[in-house]
Protein backbone atom coordinates (compact mmCIF):
# COMPACT_ATOMS: atom_id res chain seq x y z
CA MET A 1 49.40 61.57 -7.52
CA ALA A 2 48.12 62.43 -11.05
CA ASN A 3 46.11 59.73 -12.80
CA VAL A 4 48.05 58.09 -15.64
CA THR A 5 45.91 57.62 -18.66
CA GLN A 6 46.37 54.14 -20.10
CA PRO A 7 46.83 53.97 -23.92
CA LYS A 8 43.77 52.69 -25.80
CA ARG A 9 43.87 49.00 -26.54
CA LEU A 10 43.74 48.63 -30.25
CA MET A 11 41.44 46.04 -31.88
CA ALA A 12 42.72 43.88 -34.76
CA ALA A 13 41.29 41.14 -36.94
CA VAL A 14 43.47 38.62 -38.95
CA THR A 15 42.11 36.15 -41.51
CA GLY A 16 43.86 32.86 -41.90
CA ALA A 17 45.11 33.00 -38.35
CA GLY A 18 44.97 29.34 -37.64
CA SER A 19 48.33 28.41 -39.06
CA GLY A 20 51.52 29.61 -40.73
CA LEU A 21 52.08 33.40 -41.20
CA GLY A 22 48.68 34.35 -40.00
CA ARG A 23 49.08 32.52 -36.65
CA ASP A 24 52.37 34.29 -35.98
CA ILE A 25 50.82 37.59 -36.93
CA ALA A 26 48.01 37.01 -34.43
CA LEU A 27 50.43 36.05 -31.71
CA GLY A 28 52.65 39.05 -32.54
CA LEU A 29 49.81 41.44 -32.35
CA ALA A 30 48.74 40.00 -29.03
CA ALA A 31 52.27 40.43 -27.80
CA ARG A 32 52.00 44.14 -28.65
CA ASN A 33 48.84 44.42 -26.59
CA TYR A 34 46.28 44.36 -29.38
CA ARG A 35 42.98 42.66 -28.78
CA VAL A 36 43.04 40.12 -31.59
CA PHE A 37 40.32 38.31 -33.44
CA GLY A 38 40.82 35.81 -36.31
CA THR A 39 39.58 33.07 -38.56
CA ALA A 40 40.73 29.49 -38.66
CA LEU A 41 39.50 26.51 -40.66
CA SER A 42 39.28 23.89 -37.90
CA PRO A 43 38.41 23.64 -34.20
CA GLN A 44 41.84 22.17 -33.62
CA GLU A 45 43.43 25.47 -34.92
CA VAL A 46 41.08 27.55 -32.76
CA ASN A 47 41.99 25.61 -29.61
CA ASP A 48 45.68 25.55 -30.48
CA LEU A 49 45.94 29.32 -30.81
CA LYS A 50 43.81 29.91 -27.67
CA ASN A 51 46.32 27.85 -25.71
CA ALA A 52 49.36 29.30 -27.32
CA SER A 53 48.25 32.88 -26.65
CA ASP A 54 46.83 32.19 -23.13
CA GLY A 55 43.39 33.26 -24.45
CA ALA A 56 44.69 36.61 -25.86
CA VAL A 57 43.68 35.69 -29.39
CA ASN A 58 39.97 34.91 -30.06
CA LEU A 59 39.74 32.71 -33.12
CA SER A 60 36.56 31.64 -34.85
CA GLN A 61 36.09 28.86 -37.35
CA CYS A 62 35.19 30.60 -40.60
CA ASP A 63 35.58 29.86 -44.33
CA ILE A 64 35.89 33.37 -45.93
CA THR A 65 34.38 32.07 -49.17
CA ASP A 66 31.12 31.64 -47.14
CA GLU A 67 29.56 35.19 -47.18
CA ALA A 68 27.06 34.27 -44.39
CA ALA A 69 29.80 32.87 -42.30
CA VAL A 70 31.82 36.00 -42.80
CA ARG A 71 28.92 38.23 -41.89
CA ASN A 72 28.33 36.18 -38.68
CA TRP A 73 32.02 36.36 -37.67
CA VAL A 74 32.27 40.15 -38.32
CA HIS A 75 29.07 40.64 -36.33
CA GLU A 76 30.59 38.66 -33.37
CA VAL A 77 33.82 40.70 -33.56
CA VAL A 78 32.16 44.19 -33.62
CA ALA A 79 29.84 43.21 -30.85
CA GLN A 80 32.96 42.61 -28.66
CA THR A 81 34.83 45.73 -29.83
CA GLY A 82 32.06 48.31 -29.32
CA GLY A 83 31.56 48.54 -33.04
CA GLY A 84 35.06 49.63 -34.14
CA LEU A 85 38.19 48.08 -35.55
CA ASP A 86 41.58 49.58 -35.74
CA LEU A 87 43.37 47.05 -37.95
CA LEU A 88 42.42 44.31 -40.50
CA ILE A 89 45.18 42.09 -41.69
CA SER A 90 43.86 40.21 -44.72
CA ASN A 91 46.17 37.23 -44.74
CA ALA A 92 44.08 34.20 -45.69
CA GLY A 93 45.02 32.67 -49.05
CA VAL A 94 45.60 29.40 -50.94
CA LEU A 95 48.16 28.19 -53.61
CA THR A 96 47.21 26.25 -56.62
CA PRO A 97 50.43 25.38 -58.63
CA GLY A 98 50.41 23.63 -61.89
CA PRO A 99 50.49 24.11 -65.73
CA LEU A 100 47.47 26.20 -66.81
CA GLU A 101 46.72 23.60 -69.48
CA VAL A 102 46.41 20.90 -66.82
CA LEU A 103 44.79 22.58 -63.97
CA PRO A 104 40.99 22.16 -63.84
CA LEU A 105 39.15 25.51 -64.10
CA SER A 106 37.42 24.57 -60.89
CA SER A 107 40.85 24.74 -59.05
CA VAL A 108 41.55 28.12 -60.48
CA ARG A 109 38.07 29.38 -59.53
CA ARG A 110 38.71 28.09 -56.04
CA GLU A 111 41.89 30.19 -55.85
CA PHE A 112 40.00 33.25 -56.78
CA GLU A 113 37.24 32.56 -54.46
CA VAL A 114 39.65 32.59 -51.52
CA ASN A 115 42.22 35.10 -52.60
CA VAL A 116 39.87 37.60 -54.15
CA PHE A 117 36.16 37.19 -53.51
CA GLY A 118 36.68 35.97 -49.94
CA VAL A 119 38.96 38.93 -49.22
CA LEU A 120 36.35 41.31 -50.67
CA ALA A 121 33.65 39.81 -48.45
CA VAL A 122 35.75 40.29 -45.30
CA VAL A 123 36.87 43.90 -46.15
CA ASN A 124 33.36 45.03 -47.06
CA ALA A 125 31.83 43.47 -43.96
CA PHE A 126 34.42 45.28 -41.75
CA LEU A 127 34.24 48.70 -43.34
CA PRO A 128 31.63 50.24 -41.00
CA ALA A 129 33.88 49.22 -38.00
CA LEU A 130 37.01 50.54 -39.75
CA ARG A 131 35.32 53.82 -40.52
CA LYS A 132 34.40 54.25 -36.91
CA HIS A 133 38.00 54.03 -35.78
CA GLY A 134 39.72 55.40 -38.84
CA GLY A 135 41.39 52.07 -39.24
CA ARG A 136 43.86 50.43 -41.50
CA ILE A 137 43.70 47.52 -43.97
CA VAL A 138 46.88 45.51 -44.62
CA GLN A 139 46.56 43.17 -47.57
CA VAL A 140 49.11 40.40 -47.58
CA SER A 141 50.19 39.67 -51.13
CA THR A 142 53.20 38.02 -52.77
CA TRP A 143 55.97 39.08 -55.13
CA THR A 144 54.50 36.69 -57.72
CA ALA A 145 51.69 39.23 -58.18
CA SER A 146 54.32 41.47 -59.78
CA LEU A 147 56.49 38.84 -61.32
CA PRO A 148 54.32 35.78 -61.98
CA LEU A 149 56.05 32.48 -62.36
CA PRO A 150 55.40 29.57 -64.71
CA PHE A 151 53.27 26.87 -63.05
CA ASN A 152 52.13 29.46 -60.46
CA GLY A 153 49.66 31.34 -62.56
CA PRO A 154 46.53 31.21 -60.46
CA SER A 155 48.33 32.43 -57.32
CA GLY A 156 50.02 35.32 -59.10
CA ALA A 157 46.86 36.34 -60.97
CA SER A 158 44.56 36.12 -58.01
CA LYS A 159 46.98 38.21 -55.84
CA ALA A 160 47.49 40.78 -58.70
CA ALA A 161 43.69 41.06 -58.90
CA MET A 162 43.48 41.71 -55.16
CA GLU A 163 46.27 44.26 -55.42
CA ALA A 164 44.20 46.15 -57.98
CA PHE A 165 41.18 46.07 -55.59
CA ALA A 166 43.42 47.28 -52.78
CA ALA A 167 44.54 50.33 -54.83
CA VAL A 168 40.91 51.12 -55.60
CA TYR A 169 39.92 50.76 -51.95
CA ARG A 170 42.79 53.03 -51.00
CA ALA A 171 41.30 55.71 -53.25
CA GLU A 172 37.70 55.13 -52.32
CA LEU A 173 38.25 54.95 -48.58
CA LYS A 174 40.73 57.84 -48.23
CA SER A 175 38.02 60.37 -47.38
CA PHE A 176 36.94 58.14 -44.45
CA GLY A 177 40.44 58.05 -42.93
CA ILE A 178 41.01 54.42 -43.79
CA GLU A 179 44.49 53.51 -44.99
CA VAL A 180 45.11 50.54 -47.33
CA VAL A 181 48.57 48.95 -47.38
CA ILE A 182 49.87 46.16 -49.53
CA ALA A 183 52.41 43.88 -47.76
CA VAL A 184 54.32 42.13 -50.54
CA ALA A 185 55.57 38.79 -49.00
CA GLY A 186 58.74 37.04 -50.19
CA ASN A 187 59.53 33.41 -49.64
CA MET A 188 58.90 32.28 -46.12
CA ARG A 189 59.67 29.30 -43.92
CA THR A 190 56.24 28.93 -42.48
CA GLY A 191 53.68 26.10 -42.82
CA GLY A 192 53.69 27.07 -46.53
CA PRO A 193 56.55 24.82 -47.80
CA ALA A 194 55.03 21.62 -46.56
CA LYS A 195 51.68 22.62 -47.99
CA THR A 196 53.30 23.64 -51.23
CA ALA A 197 55.22 20.41 -51.58
CA SER A 198 51.99 18.50 -50.99
CA ALA A 199 50.09 20.65 -53.59
CA LEU A 200 52.90 20.11 -56.18
CA LYS A 201 52.95 16.36 -55.55
CA ARG A 202 49.09 16.18 -56.13
CA VAL A 203 49.37 17.97 -59.42
CA ALA A 204 52.33 15.91 -60.59
CA ASP A 205 50.60 12.63 -59.50
CA GLY A 206 47.40 13.71 -61.19
CA MET A 207 48.97 14.24 -64.72
CA ASN A 208 48.02 11.68 -67.32
CA SER A 209 50.81 10.27 -69.57
CA GLU A 210 50.31 12.91 -72.29
CA GLN A 211 50.54 15.75 -69.67
CA ARG A 212 53.46 14.18 -67.99
CA GLU A 213 55.25 14.02 -71.36
CA LEU A 214 54.54 17.69 -72.04
CA TYR A 215 55.21 19.18 -68.59
CA GLY A 216 56.64 16.59 -66.31
CA GLU A 217 60.36 17.44 -66.55
CA ALA A 218 59.72 21.21 -66.45
CA PHE A 219 57.32 20.97 -63.56
CA GLU A 220 59.75 18.77 -61.64
CA ALA A 221 62.35 21.57 -62.07
CA PHE A 222 59.93 24.19 -60.87
CA GLU A 223 58.98 22.07 -57.92
CA LYS A 224 62.67 21.76 -56.91
CA ASN A 225 63.40 25.50 -57.28
CA LEU A 226 60.16 26.63 -55.47
CA ASN A 227 60.89 24.35 -52.47
CA GLN A 228 64.50 25.72 -52.36
CA MET A 229 63.28 29.30 -52.47
CA GLN A 230 60.77 28.76 -49.72
CA SER A 231 63.11 26.88 -47.40
CA SER A 232 65.67 29.71 -47.69
CA GLY A 233 63.12 32.48 -46.98
CA LEU A 234 62.34 34.39 -43.85
CA ASP A 235 61.27 32.42 -40.79
CA SER A 236 57.62 32.79 -39.90
CA LYS A 237 58.03 34.97 -36.80
CA SER A 238 60.43 37.35 -38.63
CA ALA A 239 57.93 37.69 -41.44
CA ALA A 240 55.05 38.23 -39.07
CA ASN A 241 56.92 40.97 -37.17
CA ARG A 242 57.68 42.63 -40.48
CA VAL A 243 54.01 42.56 -41.53
CA ILE A 244 53.06 44.08 -38.10
CA ASP A 245 55.77 46.85 -38.41
CA ILE A 246 54.26 47.62 -41.81
CA ALA A 247 50.76 47.70 -40.13
CA GLU A 248 52.03 50.24 -37.61
CA GLN A 249 54.28 52.36 -39.94
CA LYS A 250 53.41 55.99 -40.12
CA PRO A 251 52.78 57.53 -42.54
CA ALA A 252 51.18 54.37 -44.17
CA PRO A 253 53.12 53.10 -47.05
CA SER A 254 51.05 52.15 -50.14
CA ARG A 255 53.22 48.99 -50.60
CA ALA A 256 56.11 47.43 -48.61
CA ALA A 257 58.12 44.36 -48.95
CA VAL A 258 58.30 41.52 -46.48
CA GLY A 259 61.75 40.11 -46.97
CA GLU A 260 64.82 41.04 -48.99
CA ASP A 261 63.71 38.80 -51.93
CA ALA A 262 60.43 40.53 -52.25
CA GLU A 263 62.31 43.93 -52.21
CA GLU A 264 64.60 42.70 -54.96
CA VAL A 265 61.73 41.47 -57.13
CA LEU A 266 59.84 44.78 -56.78
CA ARG A 267 63.09 46.59 -57.88
CA LEU A 268 63.57 44.33 -60.86
CA VAL A 269 60.00 44.77 -62.00
CA ARG A 270 60.43 48.58 -61.92
CA GLU A 271 63.78 48.56 -63.78
CA LYS A 272 63.64 45.58 -66.14
CA SER A 273 61.96 45.27 -69.56
CA ASP A 274 59.29 42.60 -70.31
CA THR A 275 61.92 40.57 -72.12
CA GLU A 276 64.31 40.77 -69.26
CA GLN A 277 61.54 39.83 -66.79
CA ASP A 278 60.75 36.76 -68.91
CA GLU A 279 64.36 35.72 -68.60
CA ILE A 280 64.19 36.21 -64.87
CA ARG A 281 61.02 34.31 -64.37
CA LEU A 282 62.26 31.33 -66.42
CA ARG A 283 65.42 31.19 -64.36
CA MET A 284 63.56 31.44 -61.07
CA ALA A 285 61.32 28.48 -62.13
CA GLY A 286 64.39 26.41 -63.00
CA LEU A 287 63.42 26.38 -66.68
CA LYS A 288 66.59 28.09 -68.01
CA ALA A 289 70.18 28.15 -66.84
């Protein structure tokens, strides 16, 4: 009987794999026989996913804004993969809602530290391993990078910045056989809505009387609409499977939508004028009928 050659087991790394979308991406990759490594923010998340995956997902506690911690994590991963990596899904991110006049600059900086500089640290650390296997980078973004909403400025701006870096990476890494894909997420029913509601409440409760007079009613309308949009979005597993499908798509798309709402927003941005987009963003935020 002829020997049957087993297909090579692919190696994947996922940031922000301890909860929400990242958790389901890690589990979905493991179900497709990837060897999966990921980051989480707490020992509880590490143990939870180890149990949920029957040990198929190897999580490490790592804050991606800590460059030394990122280097240590990447060193541990490549030591277990023989020095190569086939897929990096850059998913970790935070959301800081609120009026720009009200938000402390430290909060905006924190969003960029996670959504931009942390991502750069992870990507750069993994590039030698990705070069070795001719791997692919999937950057999870959001449609608000293309159509930023009122009271959601830091998220849209930081994701837009990371999309610009992703486009530059795509050009700079093309000669090494590394593909870079932007997965534009729509609204999702993940752990996000509860976290978003909590963040919105913190901002509203933190406003002083003058700020509340200026923004309270509009921010309340935004809060209501955002929670409705998220609760009607894709369920977490469906969104995760879509991200994985994008990660495996050949040839690699430069950009792909995760959800019909993201597809629709990308179409609107291509077709509508700035004035029309302003009308759309106000309506989506609940600020205009």
